[in-house]
Amino acid sequence: MFDANDTTEVQTNILLEVNNIEVIYNHVILVLKGVSLKVPEKGIIALLGGNGAGKTTTLKAISNLLYSERGEVTKGSIHYRGKTVHRSDPSELVKQGVIQVMEGRHCFEHLTVEENLLTGAYTRRDKTSDVQQDLELVYSYFPRLKERRKSQAGYTSGGEQQMTAIGRALMSRPETILLDEPSMGLAPQLVEEIFAIVKDLNEKEGVTFLLAEQNTNIALRFAHYGYILESGRVVMDGRAKDLRENTDVKEFYLGMSEEGRKSFRDVRSYRRRKRWLS
């Protein structure tokens, strides 16, 4: 199995920095409580935790998609390449090269696979030949999509829809992709295939990834660094290889305990690791 931590060095130039943010929904529901993280250029960073931990909310806070759900960043700050972005329009962040692939493999079901991919290039103003060249690049990473290019997206498999969603993001020529739950609902073999493609895009195309994932085992095999969320807080972070070898992570998230999964907060011996704060 591929282990990114043993073979890949990550550059230290920080692209994305989240500083001690709090997120409130409907003016009363506190969802994120002092979350901080850093995403280096050309890195793969995993945001881990169970359902309801706050992973998706963190991604939506970064991509400025909270307002449509009556959510708001009320404290802290988010910077991309040193510029404050958490108050800007979502379309401005897209122009800066940050694209979110939403949880649930959202595709335009009535459009063909290729038409879905081309919607990702809608905001581009370059030559048609350049768009076509990028379309062929997407097909080189996702040969199955080339086979299904004329098929209606709504009638393709879950794995093909996930590939379509990622391919559509690539068509915008992103610098950073926020990838939400890429393994959800997919067979293990397809999950391996998706993560292998993420690795290739990172290494060969230089795409930076921040991925939210419940499947801690596979995420820590392919990521360089990880943050573990519980109840809207970062409770642990570190190099992916170190997290994989950590006793608490093995017990609570990798299924290596006879007692079953617990909360970090239920363990008296757990010492909270220092969060990354600027």
C-alpha atoms as a PDB file:
ATOM      1  CA  MET A   1       0.000   0.000   0.000  1.00  0.00           C
ATOM      2  CA  PHE A   2       1.167   3.543  -0.719  1.00  0.00           C
ATOM      3  CA  ASP A   3       2.208   5.582   2.305  1.00  0.00           C
ATOM      4  CA  ALA A   4       2.587   9.263   1.465  1.00  0.00           C
ATOM      5  CA  ASN A   5       4.309   9.921   4.765  1.00  0.00           C
ATOM      6  CA  ASP A   6       7.282   7.700   3.934  1.00  0.00           C
ATOM      7  CA  THR A   7       8.012   9.064   0.454  1.00  0.00           C
ATOM      8  CA  THR A   8       6.785  12.630   0.160  1.00  0.00           C
ATOM      9  CA  GLU A   9       8.124  15.842   1.591  1.00  0.00           C
ATOM     10  CA  VAL A  10       5.699  18.754   1.931  1.00  0.00           C
ATOM     11  CA  GLN A  11       6.695  22.322   1.272  1.00  0.00           C
ATOM     12  CA  THR A  12       6.325  24.666   4.223  1.00  0.00           C
ATOM     13  CA  ASN A  13       4.850  27.628   2.345  1.00  0.00           C
ATOM     14  CA  ILE A  14       1.426  28.080   3.970  1.00  0.00           C
ATOM     15  CA  LEU A  15      -1.441  28.626   1.532  1.00  0.00           C
ATOM     16  CA  LEU A  16      -4.408  28.469   3.884  1.00  0.00           C
ATOM     17  CA  GLU A  17      -4.509  29.420   7.551  1.00  0.00           C
ATOM     18  CA  VAL A  18      -7.541  29.130   9.830  1.00  0.00           C
ATOM     19  CA  ASN A  19      -7.049  31.002  13.105  1.00  0.00           C
ATOM     20  CA  ASN A  20      -9.194  30.204  16.135  1.00  0.00           C
ATOM     21  CA  ILE A  21     -12.552  30.442  14.361  1.00  0.00           C
ATOM     22  CA  GLU A  22     -15.986  30.044  15.883  1.00  0.00           C
ATOM     23  CA  VAL A  23     -19.058  29.337  13.771  1.00  0.00           C
ATOM     24  CA  ILE A  24     -22.627  29.921  14.878  1.00  0.00           C
ATOM     25  CA  TYR A  25     -25.800  28.807  13.080  1.00  0.00           C
ATOM     26  CA  ASN A  26     -29.081  30.690  13.416  1.00  0.00           C
ATOM     27  CA  HIS A  27     -27.377  33.157  15.789  1.00  0.00           C
ATOM     28  CA  VAL A  28     -27.507  30.674  18.683  1.00  0.00           C
ATOM     29  CA  ILE A  29     -25.999  27.252  17.818  1.00  0.00           C
ATOM     30  CA  LEU A  30     -22.241  27.164  18.404  1.00  0.00           C
ATOM     31  CA  VAL A  31     -20.791  24.548  16.012  1.00  0.00           C
ATOM     32  CA  LEU A  32     -17.061  25.314  15.800  1.00  0.00           C
ATOM     33  CA  LYS A  33     -15.182  26.396  18.917  1.00  0.00           C
ATOM     34  CA  GLY A  34     -11.723  27.826  18.346  1.00  0.00           C
ATOM     35  CA  VAL A  35     -10.671  25.742  15.331  1.00  0.00           C
ATOM     36  CA  SER A  36      -7.199  26.428  13.960  1.00  0.00           C
ATOM     37  CA  LEU A  37      -5.333  24.692  11.150  1.00  0.00           C
ATOM     38  CA  LYS A  38      -2.741  25.293   8.463  1.00  0.00           C
ATOM     39  CA  VAL A  39      -2.557  23.931   4.920  1.00  0.00           C
ATOM     40  CA  PRO A  40       0.873  24.089   3.241  1.00  0.00           C
ATOM     41  CA  GLU A  41       1.323  24.483  -0.490  1.00  0.00           C
ATOM     42  CA  LYS A  42       1.185  21.146  -2.333  1.00  0.00           C
ATOM     43  CA  GLY A  43       0.175  19.317   0.829  1.00  0.00           C
ATOM     44  CA  ILE A  44      -2.579  16.819   1.564  1.00  0.00           C
ATOM     45  CA  ILE A  45      -4.135  17.691   4.902  1.00  0.00           C
ATOM     46  CA  ALA A  46      -6.785  15.464   6.482  1.00  0.00           C
ATOM     47  CA  LEU A  47      -9.593  16.818   8.647  1.00  0.00           C
ATOM     48  CA  LEU A  48     -10.787  13.816  10.624  1.00  0.00           C
ATOM     49  CA  GLY A  49     -13.593  12.975  13.030  1.00  0.00           C
ATOM     50  CA  GLY A  50     -16.965  11.313  13.306  1.00  0.00           C
ATOM     51  CA  ASN A  51     -20.296  12.481  11.960  1.00  0.00           C
ATOM     52  CA  GLY A  52     -21.193  15.847  13.455  1.00  0.00           C
ATOM     53  CA  ALA A  53     -17.644  16.680  14.533  1.00  0.00           C
ATOM     54  CA  GLY A  54     -17.605  19.880  12.462  1.00  0.00           C
ATOM     55  CA  LYS A  55     -15.589  18.836   9.409  1.00  0.00           C
ATOM     56  CA  THR A  56     -18.056  20.002   6.761  1.00  0.00           C
ATOM     57  CA  THR A  57     -18.743  23.229   8.638  1.00  0.00           C
ATOM     58  CA  THR A  58     -15.001  23.951   8.665  1.00  0.00           C
ATOM     59  CA  LEU A  59     -14.780  23.494   4.890  1.00  0.00           C
ATOM     60  CA  LYS A  60     -17.858  25.668   4.314  1.00  0.00           C
ATOM     61  CA  ALA A  61     -16.410  28.348   6.576  1.00  0.00           C
ATOM     62  CA  ILE A  62     -13.289  28.389   4.406  1.00  0.00           C
ATOM     63  CA  SER A  63     -15.213  28.465   1.109  1.00  0.00           C
ATOM     64  CA  ASN A  64     -17.739  31.032   2.421  1.00  0.00           C
ATOM     65  CA  LEU A  65     -20.775  28.810   1.906  1.00  0.00           C
ATOM     66  CA  LEU A  66     -22.155  29.177   5.436  1.00  0.00           C
ATOM     67  CA  TYR A  67     -24.469  32.084   4.778  1.00  0.00           C
ATOM     68  CA  SER A  68     -26.847  30.041   2.631  1.00  0.00           C
ATOM     69  CA  GLU A  69     -27.415  27.848   5.709  1.00  0.00           C
ATOM     70  CA  ARG A  70     -27.700  30.755   8.160  1.00  0.00           C
ATOM     71  CA  GLY A  71     -24.220  30.132   9.484  1.00  0.00           C
ATOM     72  CA  GLU A  72     -21.525  32.695  10.216  1.00  0.00           C
ATOM     73  CA  VAL A  73     -17.898  32.931  11.321  1.00  0.00           C
ATOM     74  CA  THR A  74     -18.267  35.034  14.465  1.00  0.00           C
ATOM     75  CA  LYS A  75     -14.699  34.923  15.799  1.00  0.00           C
ATOM     76  CA  GLY A  76     -11.242  34.294  14.409  1.00  0.00           C
ATOM     77  CA  SER A  77      -9.987  34.687  10.855  1.00  0.00           C
ATOM     78  CA  ILE A  78      -9.260  32.746   7.665  1.00  0.00           C
ATOM     79  CA  HIS A  79      -6.418  33.715   5.349  1.00  0.00           C
ATOM     80  CA  TYR A  80      -5.476  32.457   1.903  1.00  0.00           C
ATOM     81  CA  ARG A  81      -2.022  33.456   0.699  1.00  0.00           C
ATOM     82  CA  GLY A  82      -1.963  36.002   3.508  1.00  0.00           C
ATOM     83  CA  LYS A  83      -5.239  37.682   2.513  1.00  0.00           C
ATOM     84  CA  THR A  84      -8.350  37.638   4.697  1.00  0.00           C
ATOM     85  CA  VAL A  85     -11.040  35.672   2.849  1.00  0.00           C
ATOM     86  CA  HIS A  86     -13.761  34.731   5.336  1.00  0.00           C
ATOM     87  CA  ARG A  87     -15.793  37.860   4.562  1.00  0.00           C
ATOM     88  CA  SER A  88     -15.413  37.729   0.792  1.00  0.00           C
ATOM     89  CA  ASP A  89     -17.829  36.464  -1.832  1.00  0.00           C
ATOM     90  CA  PRO A  90     -17.510  32.710  -2.569  1.00  0.00           C
ATOM     91  CA  SER A  91     -16.920  33.454  -6.250  1.00  0.00           C
ATOM     92  CA  GLU A  92     -13.860  35.546  -5.359  1.00  0.00           C
ATOM     93  CA  LEU A  93     -12.309  32.591  -3.576  1.00  0.00           C
ATOM     94  CA  VAL A  94     -12.947  30.429  -6.638  1.00  0.00           C
ATOM     95  CA  LYS A  95     -11.074  32.985  -8.746  1.00  0.00           C
ATOM     96  CA  GLN A  96      -8.170  32.690  -6.319  1.00  0.00           C
ATOM     97  CA  GLY A  97      -8.056  28.965  -7.018  1.00  0.00           C
ATOM     98  CA  VAL A  98      -9.959  27.449  -4.073  1.00  0.00           C
ATOM     99  CA  ILE A  99     -12.684  24.951  -5.047  1.00  0.00           C
ATOM    100  CA  GLN A 100     -14.888  22.862  -2.776  1.00  0.00           C
ATOM    101  CA  VAL A 101     -16.139  19.417  -3.821  1.00  0.00           C
ATOM    102  CA  MET A 102     -19.268  18.995  -1.761  1.00  0.00           C
ATOM    103  CA  GLU A 103     -20.234  15.953   0.246  1.00  0.00           C
ATOM    104  CA  GLY A 104     -22.684  13.688  -1.565  1.00  0.00           C
ATOM    105  CA  ARG A 105     -21.199  13.772  -5.097  1.00  0.00           C
ATOM    106  CA  HIS A 106     -23.344  16.657  -6.313  1.00  0.00           C
ATOM    107  CA  CYS A 107     -23.713  16.487 -10.094  1.00  0.00           C
ATOM    108  CA  PHE A 108     -26.167  17.948 -12.569  1.00  0.00           C
ATOM    109  CA  GLU A 109     -28.079  14.712 -13.046  1.00  0.00           C
ATOM    110  CA  HIS A 110     -29.779  15.724 -16.303  1.00  0.00           C
ATOM    111  CA  LEU A 111     -26.477  16.651 -17.983  1.00  0.00           C
ATOM    112  CA  THR A 112     -23.982  14.217 -19.443  1.00  0.00           C
ATOM    113  CA  VAL A 113     -20.722  13.472 -17.680  1.00  0.00           C
ATOM    114  CA  GLU A 114     -18.820  15.651 -20.144  1.00  0.00           C
ATOM    115  CA  GLU A 115     -21.293  18.509 -19.822  1.00  0.00           C
ATOM    116  CA  ASN A 116     -20.847  18.332 -16.043  1.00  0.00           C
ATOM    117  CA  LEU A 117     -17.087  18.538 -16.445  1.00  0.00           C
ATOM    118  CA  LEU A 118     -17.326  21.529 -18.760  1.00  0.00           C
ATOM    119  CA  THR A 119     -19.409  23.474 -16.223  1.00  0.00           C
ATOM    120  CA  GLY A 120     -16.241  23.566 -14.115  1.00  0.00           C
ATOM    121  CA  ALA A 121     -14.622  25.748 -16.776  1.00  0.00           C
ATOM    122  CA  TYR A 122     -17.538  28.192 -16.899  1.00  0.00           C
ATOM    123  CA  THR A 123     -15.660  31.046 -15.204  1.00  0.00           C
ATOM    124  CA  ARG A 124     -12.540  30.642 -17.333  1.00  0.00           C
ATOM    125  CA  ARG A 125     -11.770  33.186 -20.045  1.00  0.00           C
ATOM    126  CA  ASP A 126      -8.978  31.378 -21.863  1.00  0.00           C
ATOM    127  CA  LYS A 127      -9.030  29.638 -25.222  1.00  0.00           C
ATOM    128  CA  THR A 128     -11.385  26.810 -26.075  1.00  0.00           C
ATOM    129  CA  SER A 129      -8.348  24.734 -27.000  1.00  0.00           C
ATOM    130  CA  ASP A 130      -7.008  25.173 -23.450  1.00  0.00           C
ATOM    131  CA  VAL A 131     -10.294  23.988 -21.968  1.00  0.00           C
ATOM    132  CA  GLN A 132     -10.258  20.981 -24.280  1.00  0.00           C
ATOM    133  CA  GLN A 133      -6.685  20.215 -23.270  1.00  0.00           C
ATOM    134  CA  ASP A 134      -7.689  20.243 -19.606  1.00  0.00           C
ATOM    135  CA  LEU A 135     -10.676  18.026 -20.386  1.00  0.00           C
ATOM    136  CA  GLU A 136      -8.325  15.451 -21.855  1.00  0.00           C
ATOM    137  CA  LEU A 137      -6.142  15.780 -18.765  1.00  0.00           C
ATOM    138  CA  VAL A 138      -9.159  14.974 -16.587  1.00  0.00           C
ATOM    139  CA  TYR A 139      -9.903  11.955 -18.757  1.00  0.00           C
ATOM    140  CA  SER A 140      -6.316  10.802 -18.371  1.00  0.00           C
ATOM    141  CA  TYR A 141      -6.815  10.675 -14.592  1.00  0.00           C
ATOM    142  CA  PHE A 142     -10.353   9.323 -14.853  1.00  0.00           C
ATOM    143  CA  PRO A 143     -10.436   7.016 -17.904  1.00  0.00           C
ATOM    144  CA  ARG A 144     -13.778   5.648 -16.765  1.00  0.00           C
ATOM    145  CA  LEU A 145     -15.311   9.090 -17.277  1.00  0.00           C
ATOM    146  CA  LYS A 146     -14.100   9.133 -20.866  1.00  0.00           C
ATOM    147  CA  GLU A 147     -15.959   5.875 -21.422  1.00  0.00           C
ATOM    148  CA  ARG A 148     -19.110   7.388 -19.889  1.00  0.00           C
ATOM    149  CA  ARG A 149     -18.684  10.904 -21.271  1.00  0.00           C
ATOM    150  CA  LYS A 150     -22.011  10.829 -23.159  1.00  0.00           C
ATOM    151  CA  SER A 151     -23.949   9.151 -20.350  1.00  0.00           C
ATOM    152  CA  GLN A 152     -26.404  11.126 -18.254  1.00  0.00           C
ATOM    153  CA  ALA A 153     -24.672  11.781 -14.924  1.00  0.00           C
ATOM    154  CA  GLY A 154     -27.730  10.776 -12.905  1.00  0.00           C
ATOM    155  CA  TYR A 155     -27.496   7.244 -14.276  1.00  0.00           C
ATOM    156  CA  THR A 156     -23.821   6.688 -13.486  1.00  0.00           C
ATOM    157  CA  SER A 157     -22.511   4.868 -10.405  1.00  0.00           C
ATOM    158  CA  GLY A 158     -21.625   6.546  -7.117  1.00  0.00           C
ATOM    159  CA  GLY A 159     -17.925   6.189  -7.849  1.00  0.00           C
ATOM    160  CA  GLU A 160     -18.326   7.717 -11.305  1.00  0.00           C
ATOM    161  CA  GLN A 161     -20.296  10.617  -9.844  1.00  0.00           C
ATOM    162  CA  GLN A 162     -17.535  11.246  -7.298  1.00  0.00           C
ATOM    163  CA  MET A 163     -14.972  11.201 -10.108  1.00  0.00           C
ATOM    164  CA  THR A 164     -17.162  13.613 -12.077  1.00  0.00           C
ATOM    165  CA  ALA A 165     -17.356  15.994  -9.117  1.00  0.00           C
ATOM    166  CA  ILE A 166     -13.582  15.990  -8.674  1.00  0.00           C
ATOM    167  CA  GLY A 167     -13.008  16.266 -12.426  1.00  0.00           C
ATOM    168  CA  ARG A 168     -15.368  19.239 -12.629  1.00  0.00           C
ATOM    169  CA  ALA A 169     -13.340  20.955  -9.893  1.00  0.00           C
ATOM    170  CA  LEU A 170     -10.127  20.298 -11.845  1.00  0.00           C
ATOM    171  CA  MET A 171     -11.591  21.986 -14.911  1.00  0.00           C
ATOM    172  CA  SER A 172     -11.435  25.309 -13.065  1.00  0.00           C
ATOM    173  CA  ARG A 173      -7.648  24.897 -12.738  1.00  0.00           C
ATOM    174  CA  PRO A 174      -7.683  25.014  -8.929  1.00  0.00           C
ATOM    175  CA  GLU A 175      -4.699  25.581  -6.687  1.00  0.00           C
ATOM    176  CA  THR A 176      -6.487  24.099  -3.657  1.00  0.00           C
ATOM    177  CA  ILE A 177      -9.373  21.620  -3.462  1.00  0.00           C
ATOM    178  CA  LEU A 178     -11.536  21.265  -0.365  1.00  0.00           C
ATOM    179  CA  LEU A 179     -12.730  17.674  -0.635  1.00  0.00           C
ATOM    180  CA  ASP A 180     -15.635  16.670   1.606  1.00  0.00           C
ATOM    181  CA  GLU A 181     -16.102  12.976   2.498  1.00  0.00           C
ATOM    182  CA  PRO A 182     -14.777  11.462  -0.764  1.00  0.00           C
ATOM    183  CA  SER A 183     -15.208   7.888   0.519  1.00  0.00           C
ATOM    184  CA  MET A 184     -18.835   8.192   1.607  1.00  0.00           C
ATOM    185  CA  GLY A 185     -20.999   5.398   0.229  1.00  0.00           C
ATOM    186  CA  LEU A 186     -18.290   3.901  -1.974  1.00  0.00           C
ATOM    187  CA  ALA A 187     -16.940   0.351  -2.053  1.00  0.00           C
ATOM    188  CA  PRO A 188     -13.434  -0.053  -0.549  1.00  0.00           C
ATOM    189  CA  GLN A 189     -11.835  -0.674  -3.950  1.00  0.00           C
ATOM    190  CA  LEU A 190     -13.290   2.564  -5.316  1.00  0.00           C
ATOM    191  CA  VAL A 191     -12.170   4.466  -2.222  1.00  0.00           C
ATOM    192  CA  GLU A 192      -8.606   3.272  -2.821  1.00  0.00           C
ATOM    193  CA  GLU A 193      -8.876   4.365  -6.447  1.00  0.00           C
ATOM    194  CA  ILE A 194     -10.163   7.842  -5.542  1.00  0.00           C
ATOM    195  CA  PHE A 195      -7.431   8.426  -2.973  1.00  0.00           C
ATOM    196  CA  ALA A 196      -4.751   7.171  -5.353  1.00  0.00           C
ATOM    197  CA  ILE A 197      -5.931   9.751  -7.891  1.00  0.00           C
ATOM    198  CA  VAL A 198      -5.838  12.455  -5.216  1.00  0.00           C
ATOM    199  CA  LYS A 199      -2.212  11.464  -4.529  1.00  0.00           C
ATOM    200  CA  ASP A 200      -1.359  11.625  -8.234  1.00  0.00           C
ATOM    201  CA  LEU A 201      -3.000  15.040  -8.643  1.00  0.00           C
ATOM    202  CA  ASN A 202      -1.055  16.292  -5.655  1.00  0.00           C
ATOM    203  CA  GLU A 203       2.306  14.959  -6.818  1.00  0.00           C
ATOM    204  CA  LYS A 204       2.036  15.438 -10.584  1.00  0.00           C
ATOM    205  CA  GLU A 205      -0.174  18.541 -10.890  1.00  0.00           C
ATOM    206  CA  GLY A 206       0.753  20.246  -7.613  1.00  0.00           C
ATOM    207  CA  VAL A 207      -2.839  20.485  -6.370  1.00  0.00           C
ATOM    208  CA  THR A 208      -3.179  21.153  -2.644  1.00  0.00           C
ATOM    209  CA  PHE A 209      -5.889  19.211  -0.795  1.00  0.00           C
ATOM    210  CA  LEU A 210      -7.754  19.754   2.459  1.00  0.00           C
ATOM    211  CA  LEU A 211     -10.003  16.732   2.790  1.00  0.00           C
ATOM    212  CA  ALA A 212     -12.651  16.017   5.400  1.00  0.00           C
ATOM    213  CA  GLU A 213     -12.994  12.291   5.980  1.00  0.00           C
ATOM    214  CA  GLN A 214     -14.540   9.847   8.453  1.00  0.00           C
ATOM    215  CA  ASN A 215     -12.440   6.973   7.121  1.00  0.00           C
ATOM    216  CA  THR A 216      -9.438   7.783   9.293  1.00  0.00           C
ATOM    217  CA  ASN A 217      -7.484   4.722   8.230  1.00  0.00           C
ATOM    218  CA  ILE A 218      -7.229   5.528   4.540  1.00  0.00           C
ATOM    219  CA  ALA A 219      -7.003   9.293   5.060  1.00  0.00           C
ATOM    220  CA  LEU A 220      -3.923   8.929   7.272  1.00  0.00           C
ATOM    221  CA  ARG A 221      -2.267   6.648   4.697  1.00  0.00           C
ATOM    222  CA  PHE A 222      -2.477   9.249   1.966  1.00  0.00           C
ATOM    223  CA  ALA A 223      -2.305  12.556   3.873  1.00  0.00           C
ATOM    224  CA  HIS A 224       0.809  14.326   5.091  1.00  0.00           C
ATOM    225  CA  TYR A 225      -0.726  15.874   8.200  1.00  0.00           C
ATOM    226  CA  GLY A 226      -3.981  15.450  10.092  1.00  0.00           C
ATOM    227  CA  TYR A 227      -6.327  17.279  12.447  1.00  0.00           C
ATOM    228  CA  ILE A 228      -8.880  15.399  14.541  1.00  0.00           C
ATOM    229  CA  LEU A 229     -12.118  17.201  15.379  1.00  0.00           C
ATOM    230  CA  GLU A 230     -14.539  16.349  18.153  1.00  0.00           C
ATOM    231  CA  SER A 231     -17.628  18.399  18.981  1.00  0.00           C
ATOM    232  CA  GLY A 232     -16.364  21.357  16.988  1.00  0.00           C
ATOM    233  CA  ARG A 233     -12.858  21.457  18.475  1.00  0.00           C
ATOM    234  CA  VAL A 234      -9.443  20.273  17.322  1.00  0.00           C
ATOM    235  CA  VAL A 235      -8.465  17.674  19.934  1.00  0.00           C
ATOM    236  CA  MET A 236      -5.313  16.389  18.276  1.00  0.00           C
ATOM    237  CA  ASP A 237      -3.094  17.159  15.308  1.00  0.00           C
ATOM    238  CA  GLY A 238       0.205  15.936  13.929  1.00  0.00           C
ATOM    239  CA  ARG A 239       2.026  14.254  11.064  1.00  0.00           C
ATOM    240  CA  ALA A 240      -0.180  11.581   9.546  1.00  0.00           C
ATOM    241  CA  LYS A 241       2.398   8.896  10.235  1.00  0.00           C
ATOM    242  CA  ASP A 242       2.573   9.899  13.913  1.00  0.00           C
ATOM    243  CA  LEU A 243      -1.214   9.928  14.241  1.00  0.00           C
ATOM    244  CA  ARG A 244      -1.415   6.437  12.761  1.00  0.00           C
ATOM    245  CA  GLU A 245       0.987   5.196  15.405  1.00  0.00           C
ATOM    246  CA  ASN A 246      -0.651   7.096  18.273  1.00  0.00           C
ATOM    247  CA  THR A 247      -2.280   4.784  20.830  1.00  0.00           C
ATOM    248  CA  ASP A 248      -5.363   6.969  21.292  1.00  0.00           C
ATOM    249  CA  VAL A 249      -5.958   7.310  17.555  1.00  0.00           C
ATOM    250  CA  LYS A 250      -5.573   3.555  17.097  1.00  0.00           C
ATOM    251  CA  GLU A 251      -8.109   2.908  19.819  1.00  0.00           C
ATOM    252  CA  PHE A 252     -10.702   5.542  18.977  1.00  0.00           C
ATOM    253  CA  TYR A 253     -10.479   5.850  15.200  1.00  0.00           C
ATOM    254  CA  LEU A 254      -8.673   2.890  13.681  1.00  0.00           C
ATOM    255  CA  GLY A 255     -10.695   0.171  15.396  1.00  0.00           C
ATOM    256  CA  MET A 256      -7.759  -1.358  17.238  1.00  0.00           C
ATOM    257  CA  SER A 257      -9.384  -1.611  20.669  1.00  0.00           C
ATOM    258  CA  GLU A 258     -11.453  -4.406  22.151  1.00  0.00           C
ATOM    259  CA  GLU A 259     -13.522  -1.840  24.063  1.00  0.00           C
ATOM    260  CA  GLY A 260     -14.776  -0.084  20.954  1.00  0.00           C
ATOM    261  CA  ARG A 261     -14.679   3.560  20.012  1.00  0.00           C
ATOM    262  CA  LYS A 262     -14.837   6.181  22.764  1.00  0.00           C
ATOM    263  CA  SER A 263     -14.523   9.927  22.992  1.00  0.00           C
ATOM    264  CA  PHE A 264     -11.168  11.453  23.740  1.00  0.00           C
ATOM    265  CA  ARG A 265     -12.897  13.340  26.540  1.00  0.00           C
ATOM    266  CA  ASP A 266     -13.828  10.092  28.278  1.00  0.00           C
ATOM    267  CA  VAL A 267     -10.193   9.218  28.865  1.00  0.00           C
ATOM    268  CA  ARG A 268      -8.622  10.741  31.959  1.00  0.00           C
ATOM    269  CA  SER A 269      -5.100  10.178  30.729  1.00  0.00           C
ATOM    270  CA  TYR A 270      -5.649  12.105  27.506  1.00  0.00           C
ATOM    271  CA  ARG A 271      -3.759  15.369  27.377  1.00  0.00           C
ATOM    272  CA  ARG A 272      -4.915  17.861  24.846  1.00  0.00           C
ATOM    273  CA  ARG A 273      -2.230  18.687  22.310  1.00  0.00           C
ATOM    274  CA  LYS A 274      -1.424  22.327  21.700  1.00  0.00           C
ATOM    275  CA  ARG A 275      -3.377  23.679  18.735  1.00  0.00           C
ATOM    276  CA  TRP A 276      -1.751  25.676  15.980  1.00  0.00           C
ATOM    277  CA  LEU A 277      -2.437  29.311  16.759  1.00  0.00           C
ATOM    278  CA  SER A 278      -0.794  32.283  15.177  1.00  0.00           C
END
